[in-house]
Amino acid sequence: LLSHVRAGKIGTVIVKDMSRFSREFIVLGD
């Protein structure tokens, strides 16, 4: 997913809740 974001292929990312994306405070915030 991140590689496709960096490649400019993705315009929107959707998740059920933020904990699905990451449980690390710093990573999620970044």
Full PDB file with SEQRES, HELIX, SHEET, SSBOND, CRYST1, ORIGX, SCALE, CONECT and MASTER records, all heavy atoms in Angstrom:
SEQRES   1 A   30  LEU LEU SER HIS VAL ARG ALA GLY LYS ILE GLY THR VAL          
SEQRES   2 A   30  ILE VAL LYS ASP MET SER ARG PHE SER ARG GLU PHE ILE          
SEQRES   3 A   30  VAL LEU GLY ASP                                              
HELIX    1 AA1 LEU A    2  ARG A    6  1                                   5    
HELIX    2 AA2 MET A   18  PHE A   21  1                                   4    
HELIX    3 AA3 PHE A   25  GLY A   29  1                                   5    
CRYST1    1.000    1.000    1.000  90.00  90.00  90.00 P 1           1          
ORIGX1      1.000000  0.000000  0.000000        0.00000                         
ORIGX2      0.000000  1.000000  0.000000        0.00000                         
ORIGX3      0.000000  0.000000  1.000000        0.00000                         
SCALE1      1.000000  0.000000  0.000000        0.00000                         
SCALE2      0.000000  1.000000  0.000000        0.00000                         
SCALE3      0.000000  0.000000  1.000000        0.00000                         
ATOM      1  N   LEU A   1       0.833  -1.201   0.000  1.00  0.00           N  
ATOM      2  CA  LEU A   1       0.000   0.000   0.000  1.00  0.00           C  
ATOM      3  C   LEU A   1       0.870   1.254   0.000  1.00  0.00           C  
ATOM      4  O   LEU A   1       0.662   2.175  -0.797  1.00  0.00           O  
ATOM      5  CB  LEU A   1      -0.904  -0.002   1.224  1.00  0.00           C  
ATOM      6  CG  LEU A   1      -1.658   1.299   1.547  1.00  0.00           C  
ATOM      7  CD1 LEU A   1      -2.713   1.568   0.494  1.00  0.00           C  
ATOM      8  CD2 LEU A   1      -2.296   1.226   2.926  1.00  0.00           C  
ATOM      9  N   LEU A   2       1.877   1.283   0.865  1.00  0.00           N  
ATOM     10  CA  LEU A   2       2.749   2.453   0.957  1.00  0.00           C  
ATOM     11  C   LEU A   2       3.551   2.660  -0.319  1.00  0.00           C  
ATOM     12  O   LEU A   2       3.774   3.799  -0.742  1.00  0.00           O  
ATOM     13  CB  LEU A   2       3.697   2.310   2.155  1.00  0.00           C  
ATOM     14  CG  LEU A   2       3.035   2.252   3.529  1.00  0.00           C  
ATOM     15  CD1 LEU A   2       4.098   2.233   4.623  1.00  0.00           C  
ATOM     16  CD2 LEU A   2       2.078   3.417   3.741  1.00  0.00           C  
ATOM     17  N   SER A   3       3.982   1.557  -0.945  1.00  0.00           N  
ATOM     18  CA  SER A   3       4.739   1.685  -2.195  1.00  0.00           C  
ATOM     19  C   SER A   3       3.867   2.279  -3.298  1.00  0.00           C  
ATOM     20  O   SER A   3       4.336   3.077  -4.115  1.00  0.00           O  
ATOM     21  CB  SER A   3       5.296   0.323  -2.624  1.00  0.00           C  
ATOM     22  OG  SER A   3       4.263  -0.557  -3.040  1.00  0.00           O  
ATOM     23  N   HIS A   4       2.594   1.909  -3.310  1.00  0.00           N  
ATOM     24  CA  HIS A   4       1.671   2.445  -4.309  1.00  0.00           C  
ATOM     25  C   HIS A   4       1.326   3.905  -4.003  1.00  0.00           C  
ATOM     26  O   HIS A   4       1.100   4.697  -4.922  1.00  0.00           O  
ATOM     27  CB  HIS A   4       0.396   1.596  -4.351  1.00  0.00           C  
ATOM     28  CG  HIS A   4       0.617   0.249  -4.961  1.00  0.00           C  
ATOM     29  ND1 HIS A   4      -0.348  -0.746  -4.979  1.00  0.00           N  
ATOM     30  CD2 HIS A   4       1.705  -0.277  -5.589  1.00  0.00           C  
ATOM     31  CE1 HIS A   4       0.139  -1.811  -5.587  1.00  0.00           C  
ATOM     32  NE2 HIS A   4       1.382  -1.557  -5.958  1.00  0.00           N  
ATOM     33  N   VAL A   5       1.301   4.254  -2.703  1.00  0.00           N  
ATOM     34  CA  VAL A   5       1.089   5.657  -2.320  1.00  0.00           C  
ATOM     35  C   VAL A   5       2.255   6.496  -2.817  1.00  0.00           C  
ATOM     36  O   VAL A   5       2.075   7.557  -3.420  1.00  0.00           O  
ATOM     37  CB  VAL A   5       0.943   5.787  -0.790  1.00  0.00           C  
ATOM     38  CG1 VAL A   5       1.063   7.255  -0.364  1.00  0.00           C  
ATOM     39  CG2 VAL A   5      -0.399   5.226  -0.334  1.00  0.00           C  
ATOM     40  N   ARG A   6       3.483   6.019  -2.568  1.00  0.00           N  
ATOM     41  CA  ARG A   6       4.681   6.753  -2.980  1.00  0.00           C  
ATOM     42  C   ARG A   6       4.781   6.856  -4.499  1.00  0.00           C  
ATOM     43  O   ARG A   6       5.345   7.815  -5.023  1.00  0.00           O  
ATOM     44  CB  ARG A   6       5.934   6.083  -2.408  1.00  0.00           C  
ATOM     45  CG  ARG A   6       6.082   6.257  -0.896  1.00  0.00           C  
ATOM     46  CD  ARG A   6       7.450   5.797  -0.429  1.00  0.00           C  
ATOM     47  NE  ARG A   6       7.597   4.355  -0.537  1.00  0.00           N  
ATOM     48  CZ  ARG A   6       7.342   3.507   0.444  1.00  0.00           C  
ATOM     49  NH1 ARG A   6       6.943   3.959   1.630  1.00  0.00           N  
ATOM     50  NH2 ARG A   6       7.498   2.204   0.287  1.00  0.00           N  
ATOM     51  N   ALA A   7       4.226   5.855  -5.191  1.00  0.00           N  
ATOM     52  CA  ALA A   7       4.266   5.860  -6.652  1.00  0.00           C  
ATOM     53  C   ALA A   7       3.174   6.738  -7.255  1.00  0.00           C  
ATOM     54  O   ALA A   7       3.090   6.870  -8.484  1.00  0.00           O  
ATOM     55  CB  ALA A   7       4.130   4.429  -7.177  1.00  0.00           C  
ATOM     56  N   GLY A   8       2.362   7.328  -6.414  1.00  0.00           N  
ATOM     57  CA  GLY A   8       1.316   8.221  -6.897  1.00  0.00           C  
ATOM     58  C   GLY A   8       0.115   7.511  -7.480  1.00  0.00           C  
ATOM     59  O   GLY A   8      -0.650   8.102  -8.256  1.00  0.00           O  
ATOM     60  N   LYS A   9      -0.100   6.245  -7.114  1.00  0.00           N  
ATOM     61  CA  LYS A   9      -1.210   5.478  -7.665  1.00  0.00           C  
ATOM     62  C   LYS A   9      -2.485   5.593  -6.834  1.00  0.00           C  
ATOM     63  O   LYS A   9      -3.568   5.270  -7.305  1.00  0.00           O  
ATOM     64  CB  LYS A   9      -0.820   3.992  -7.770  1.00  0.00           C  
ATOM     65  CG  LYS A   9       0.343   3.719  -8.710  1.00  0.00           C  
ATOM     66  CD  LYS A   9       0.654   2.232  -8.737  1.00  0.00           C  
ATOM     67  CE  LYS A   9       1.809   1.916  -9.692  1.00  0.00           C  
ATOM     68  NZ  LYS A   9       2.123   0.461  -9.710  1.00  0.00           N  
ATOM     69  N   ILE A  10      -2.347   6.012  -5.580  1.00  0.00           N  
ATOM     70  CA  ILE A  10      -3.479   6.013  -4.657  1.00  0.00           C  
ATOM     71  C   ILE A  10      -3.875   7.439  -4.285  1.00  0.00           C  
ATOM     72  O   ILE A  10      -3.025   8.261  -3.939  1.00  0.00           O  
ATOM     73  CB  ILE A  10      -3.134   5.200  -3.391  1.00  0.00           C  
ATOM     74  CG1 ILE A  10      -2.978   3.720  -3.755  1.00  0.00           C  
ATOM     75  CG2 ILE A  10      -4.201   5.383  -2.310  1.00  0.00           C  
ATOM     76  CD1 ILE A  10      -2.521   2.845  -2.615  1.00  0.00           C  
ATOM     77  N   GLY A  11      -5.178   7.705  -4.340  1.00  0.00           N  
ATOM     78  CA  GLY A  11      -5.667   9.035  -3.991  1.00  0.00           C  
ATOM     79  C   GLY A  11      -6.350   9.070  -2.645  1.00  0.00           C  
ATOM     80  O   GLY A  11      -6.403  10.110  -1.987  1.00  0.00           O  
ATOM     81  N   THR A  12      -6.882   7.897  -2.216  1.00  0.00           N  
ATOM     82  CA  THR A  12      -7.618   7.835  -0.958  1.00  0.00           C  
ATOM     83  C   THR A  12      -7.335   6.517  -0.252  1.00  0.00           C  
ATOM     84  O   THR A  12      -7.298   5.456  -0.885  1.00  0.00           O  
ATOM     85  CB  THR A  12      -9.140   7.945  -1.192  1.00  0.00           C  
ATOM     86  OG1 THR A  12      -9.427   9.161  -1.885  1.00  0.00           O  
ATOM     87  CG2 THR A  12      -9.907   7.916   0.126  1.00  0.00           C  
ATOM     88  N   VAL A  13      -7.138   6.592   1.054  1.00  0.00           N  
ATOM     89  CA  VAL A  13      -6.968   5.403   1.889  1.00  0.00           C  
ATOM     90  C   VAL A  13      -8.095   5.398   2.911  1.00  0.00           C  
ATOM     91  O   VAL A  13      -8.339   6.405   3.587  1.00  0.00           O  
ATOM     92  CB  VAL A  13      -5.611   5.400   2.619  1.00  0.00           C  
ATOM     93  CG1 VAL A  13      -5.524   4.208   3.585  1.00  0.00           C  
ATOM     94  CG2 VAL A  13      -4.461   5.340   1.619  1.00  0.00           C  
ATOM     95  N   ILE A  14      -8.794   4.259   3.027  1.00  0.00           N  
ATOM     96  CA  ILE A  14      -9.894   4.158   3.975  1.00  0.00           C  
ATOM     97  C   ILE A  14      -9.704   2.933   4.861  1.00  0.00           C  
ATOM     98  O   ILE A  14      -9.287   1.872   4.393  1.00  0.00           O  
ATOM     99  CB  ILE A  14     -11.263   4.105   3.240  1.00  0.00           C  
ATOM    100  CG1 ILE A  14     -12.411   4.128   4.247  1.00  0.00           C  
ATOM    101  CG2 ILE A  14     -11.348   2.893   2.320  1.00  0.00           C  
ATOM    102  CD1 ILE A  14     -13.777   4.329   3.605  1.00  0.00           C  
ATOM    103  N   VAL A  15     -10.001   3.082   6.148  1.00  0.00           N  
ATOM    104  CA  VAL A  15      -9.871   1.994   7.118  1.00  0.00           C  
ATOM    105  C   VAL A  15     -11.093   1.967   8.029  1.00  0.00           C  
ATOM    106  O   VAL A  15     -11.834   2.943   8.129  1.00  0.00           O  
ATOM    107  CB  VAL A  15      -8.605   2.166   7.987  1.00  0.00           C  
ATOM    108  CG1 VAL A  15      -7.347   2.004   7.155  1.00  0.00           C  
ATOM    109  CG2 VAL A  15      -8.613   3.518   8.704  1.00  0.00           C  
ATOM    110  N   LYS A  16     -11.292   0.836   8.696  1.00  0.00           N  
ATOM    111  CA  LYS A  16     -12.387   0.721   9.671  1.00  0.00           C  
ATOM    112  C   LYS A  16     -12.143   1.676  10.825  1.00  0.00           C  
ATOM    113  O   LYS A  16     -13.023   2.425  11.235  1.00  0.00           O  
ATOM    114  CB  LYS A  16     -12.476  -0.716  10.191  1.00  0.00           C  
ATOM    115  CG  LYS A  16     -13.388  -0.906  11.396  1.00  0.00           C  
ATOM    116  CD  LYS A  16     -13.337  -2.352  11.862  1.00  0.00           C  
ATOM    117  CE  LYS A  16     -14.128  -2.551  13.158  1.00  0.00           C  
ATOM    118  NZ  LYS A  16     -13.380  -2.076  14.344  1.00  0.00           N  
ATOM    119  N   ASP A  17     -10.942   1.625  11.387  1.00  0.00           N  
ATOM    120  CA  ASP A  17     -10.537   2.585  12.409  1.00  0.00           C  
ATOM    121  C   ASP A  17      -9.020   2.713  12.349  1.00  0.00           C  
ATOM    122  O   ASP A  17      -8.340   1.931  11.679  1.00  0.00           O  
ATOM    123  CB  ASP A  17     -11.008   2.174  13.813  1.00  0.00           C  
ATOM    124  CG  ASP A  17     -10.535   0.792  14.228  1.00  0.00           C  
ATOM    125  OD1 ASP A  17      -9.310   0.540  14.170  1.00  0.00           O  
ATOM    126  OD2 ASP A  17     -11.369  -0.043  14.602  1.00  0.00           O  
ATOM    127  N   MET A  18      -8.497   3.703  13.022  1.00  0.00           N  
ATOM    128  CA  MET A  18      -7.070   3.990  12.912  1.00  0.00           C  
ATOM    129  C   MET A  18      -6.193   2.868  13.427  1.00  0.00           C  
ATOM    130  O   MET A  18      -5.054   2.694  12.981  1.00  0.00           O  
ATOM    131  CB  MET A  18      -6.747   5.293  13.648  1.00  0.00           C  
ATOM    132  CG  MET A  18      -7.324   6.530  12.969  1.00  0.00           C  
ATOM    133  SD  MET A  18      -6.788   8.040  13.765  1.00  0.00           S  
ATOM    134  CE  MET A  18      -7.615   9.264  12.728  1.00  0.00           C  
ATOM    135  N   SER A  19      -6.705   2.071  14.370  1.00  0.00           N  
ATOM    136  CA  SER A  19      -5.903   0.972  14.907  1.00  0.00           C  
ATOM    137  C   SER A  19      -5.650  -0.106  13.864  1.00  0.00           C  
ATOM    138  O   SER A  19      -4.698  -0.882  13.965  1.00  0.00           O  
ATOM    139  CB  SER A  19      -6.585   0.361  16.134  1.00  0.00           C  
ATOM    140  OG  SER A  19      -7.751  -0.357  15.770  1.00  0.00           O  
ATOM    141  N   ARG A  20      -6.524  -0.187  12.834  1.00  0.00           N  
ATOM    142  CA  ARG A  20      -6.280  -1.153  11.755  1.00  0.00           C  
ATOM    143  C   ARG A  20      -5.059  -0.719  10.953  1.00  0.00           C  
ATOM    144  O   ARG A  20      -4.278  -1.554  10.501  1.00  0.00           O  
ATOM    145  CB  ARG A  20      -7.501  -1.234  10.819  1.00  0.00           C  
ATOM    146  CG  ARG A  20      -8.779  -1.753  11.427  1.00  0.00           C  
ATOM    147  CD  ARG A  20      -8.637  -3.108  12.049  1.00  0.00           C  
ATOM    148  NE  ARG A  20      -8.389  -3.035  13.481  1.00  0.00           N  
ATOM    149  CZ  ARG A  20      -7.912  -4.023  14.207  1.00  0.00           C  
ATOM    150  NH1 ARG A  20      -7.584  -5.166  13.657  1.00  0.00           N  
ATOM    151  NH2 ARG A  20      -7.731  -3.872  15.509  1.00  0.00           N  
ATOM    152  N   PHE A  21      -4.887   0.586  10.773  1.00  0.00           N  
ATOM    153  CA  PHE A  21      -3.753   1.098  10.003  1.00  0.00           C  
ATOM    154  C   PHE A  21      -2.460   0.948  10.800  1.00  0.00           C  
ATOM    155  O   PHE A  21      -1.459   0.453  10.300  1.00  0.00           O  
ATOM    156  CB  PHE A  21      -3.983   2.563   9.646  1.00  0.00           C  
ATOM    157  CG  PHE A  21      -2.944   3.145   8.723  1.00  0.00           C  
ATOM    158  CD1 PHE A  21      -3.003   2.916   7.358  1.00  0.00           C  
ATOM    159  CD2 PHE A  21      -1.898   3.907   9.226  1.00  0.00           C  
ATOM    160  CE1 PHE A  21      -2.037   3.433   6.504  1.00  0.00           C  
ATOM    161  CE2 PHE A  21      -0.935   4.431   8.384  1.00  0.00           C  
ATOM    162  CZ  PHE A  21      -0.992   4.195   7.024  1.00  0.00           C  
ATOM    163  N   SER A  22      -2.483   1.359  12.061  1.00  0.00           N  
ATOM    164  CA  SER A  22      -1.301   1.223  12.918  1.00  0.00           C  
ATOM    165  C   SER A  22      -1.686   1.421  14.373  1.00  0.00           C  
ATOM    166  O   SER A  22      -2.552   2.241  14.690  1.00  0.00           O  
ATOM    167  CB  SER A  22      -0.225   2.234  12.530  1.00  0.00           C  
ATOM    168  OG  SER A  22       0.897   2.142  13.403  1.00  0.00           O  
ATOM    169  N   ARG A  23      -1.020   0.677  15.252  1.00  0.00           N  
ATOM    170  CA  ARG A  23      -1.213   0.853  16.685  1.00  0.00           C  
ATOM    171  C   ARG A  23      -0.037   1.624  17.293  1.00  0.00           C  
ATOM    172  O   ARG A  23       0.044   1.768  18.513  1.00  0.00           O  
ATOM    173  CB  ARG A  23      -1.367  -0.498  17.383  1.00  0.00           C  
ATOM    174  CG  ARG A  23      -2.722  -1.162  17.151  1.00  0.00           C  
ATOM    175  CD  ARG A  23      -2.912  -2.336  18.083  1.00  0.00           C  
ATOM    176  NE  ARG A  23      -4.170  -3.029  17.877  1.00  0.00           N  
ATOM    177  CZ  ARG A  23      -5.329  -2.668  18.415  1.00  0.00           C  
ATOM    178  NH1 ARG A  23      -5.378  -1.584  19.178  1.00  0.00           N  
ATOM    179  NH2 ARG A  23      -6.419  -3.363  18.202  1.00  0.00           N  
ATOM    180  N   GLU A  24       0.879   2.076  16.456  1.00  0.00           N  
ATOM    181  CA  GLU A  24       2.006   2.868  16.938  1.00  0.00           C  
ATOM    182  C   GLU A  24       1.665   4.348  16.802  1.00  0.00           C  
ATOM    183  O   GLU A  24       1.409   4.843  15.697  1.00  0.00           O  
ATOM    184  CB  GLU A  24       3.276   2.547  16.144  1.00  0.00           C  
ATOM    185  CG  GLU A  24       3.937   1.246  16.568  1.00  0.00           C  
ATOM    186  CD  GLU A  24       5.335   1.110  16.003  1.00  0.00           C  
ATOM    187  OE1 GLU A  24       5.818   2.047  15.336  1.00  0.00           O  
ATOM    188  OE2 GLU A  24       5.951   0.064  16.231  1.00  0.00           O  
ATOM    189  N   PHE A  25       1.675   5.055  17.913  1.00  0.00           N  
ATOM    190  CA  PHE A  25       1.291   6.461  17.954  1.00  0.00           C  
ATOM    191  C   PHE A  25       2.108   7.304  16.973  1.00  0.00           C  
ATOM    192  O   PHE A  25       1.563   8.091  16.201  1.00  0.00           O  
ATOM    193  CB  PHE A  25       1.465   6.985  19.387  1.00  0.00           C  
ATOM    194  CG  PHE A  25       1.293   8.468  19.520  1.00  0.00           C  
ATOM    195  CD1 PHE A  25       0.066   9.060  19.267  1.00  0.00           C  
ATOM    196  CD2 PHE A  25       2.353   9.273  19.910  1.00  0.00           C  
ATOM    197  CE1 PHE A  25      -0.107  10.433  19.401  1.00  0.00           C  
ATOM    198  CE2 PHE A  25       2.191  10.646  20.054  1.00  0.00           C  
ATOM    199  CZ  PHE A  25       0.963  11.221  19.792  1.00  0.00           C  
ATOM    200  N   ILE A  26       3.423   7.133  16.993  1.00  0.00           N  
ATOM    201  CA  ILE A  26       4.294   7.961  16.151  1.00  0.00           C  
ATOM    202  C   ILE A  26       4.093   7.652  14.665  1.00  0.00           C  
ATOM    203  O   ILE A  26       3.990   8.562  13.832  1.00  0.00           O  
ATOM    204  CB  ILE A  26       5.772   7.767  16.547  1.00  0.00           C  
ATOM    205  CG1 ILE A  26       5.997   8.285  17.977  1.00  0.00           C  
ATOM    206  CG2 ILE A  26       6.696   8.490  15.566  1.00  0.00           C  
ATOM    207  CD1 ILE A  26       7.404   8.080  18.487  1.00  0.00           C  
ATOM    208  N   VAL A  27       4.017   6.363  14.334  1.00  0.00           N  
ATOM    209  CA  VAL A  27       3.828   5.960  12.929  1.00  0.00           C  
ATOM    210  C   VAL A  27       2.502   6.492  12.392  1.00  0.00           C  
ATOM    211  O   VAL A  27       2.442   7.087  11.308  1.00  0.00           O  
ATOM    212  CB  VAL A  27       3.872   4.425  12.789  1.00  0.00           C  
ATOM    213  CG1 VAL A  27       3.461   3.997  11.377  1.00  0.00           C  
ATOM    214  CG2 VAL A  27       5.268   3.905  13.109  1.00  0.00           C  
ATOM    215  N   LEU A  28       1.433   6.292  13.148  1.00  0.00           N  
ATOM    216  CA  LEU A  28       0.112   6.762  12.719  1.00  0.00           C  
ATOM    217  C   LEU A  28       0.105   8.273  12.544  1.00  0.00           C  
ATOM    218  O   LEU A  28      -0.400   8.792  11.547  1.00  0.00           O  
ATOM    219  CB  LEU A  28      -0.938   6.335  13.747  1.00  0.00           C  
ATOM    220  CG  LEU A  28      -2.391   6.691  13.440  1.00  0.00           C  
ATOM    221  CD1 LEU A  28      -2.833   6.060  12.125  1.00  0.00           C  
ATOM    222  CD2 LEU A  28      -3.296   6.234  14.575  1.00  0.00           C  
ATOM    223  N   GLY A  29       0.691   8.969  13.498  1.00  0.00           N  
ATOM    224  CA  GLY A  29       0.735  10.425  13.423  1.00  0.00           C  
ATOM    225  C   GLY A  29       1.514  10.920  12.224  1.00  0.00           C  
ATOM    226  O   GLY A  29       1.108  11.878  11.550  1.00  0.00           O  
ATOM    227  N   ASP A  30       2.644  10.263  11.926  1.00  0.00           N  
ATOM    228  CA  ASP A  30       3.466  10.668  10.788  1.00  0.00           C  
ATOM    229  C   ASP A  30       2.675  10.588   9.485  1.00  0.00           C  
ATOM    230  O   ASP A  30       2.739  11.497   8.645  1.00  0.00           O  
ATOM    231  CB  ASP A  30       4.711   9.782  10.694  1.00  0.00           C  
ATOM    232  CG  ASP A  30       5.778  10.180  11.696  1.00  0.00           C  
ATOM    233  OD1 ASP A  30       5.675  11.294  12.251  1.00  0.00           O  
ATOM    234  OD2 ASP A  30       6.701   9.382  11.933  1.00  0.00           O  
TER     235      ASP A  30                                                      
MASTER        0    0    0    3    0    0    0    6  234    1    0    3          
END                                                                             
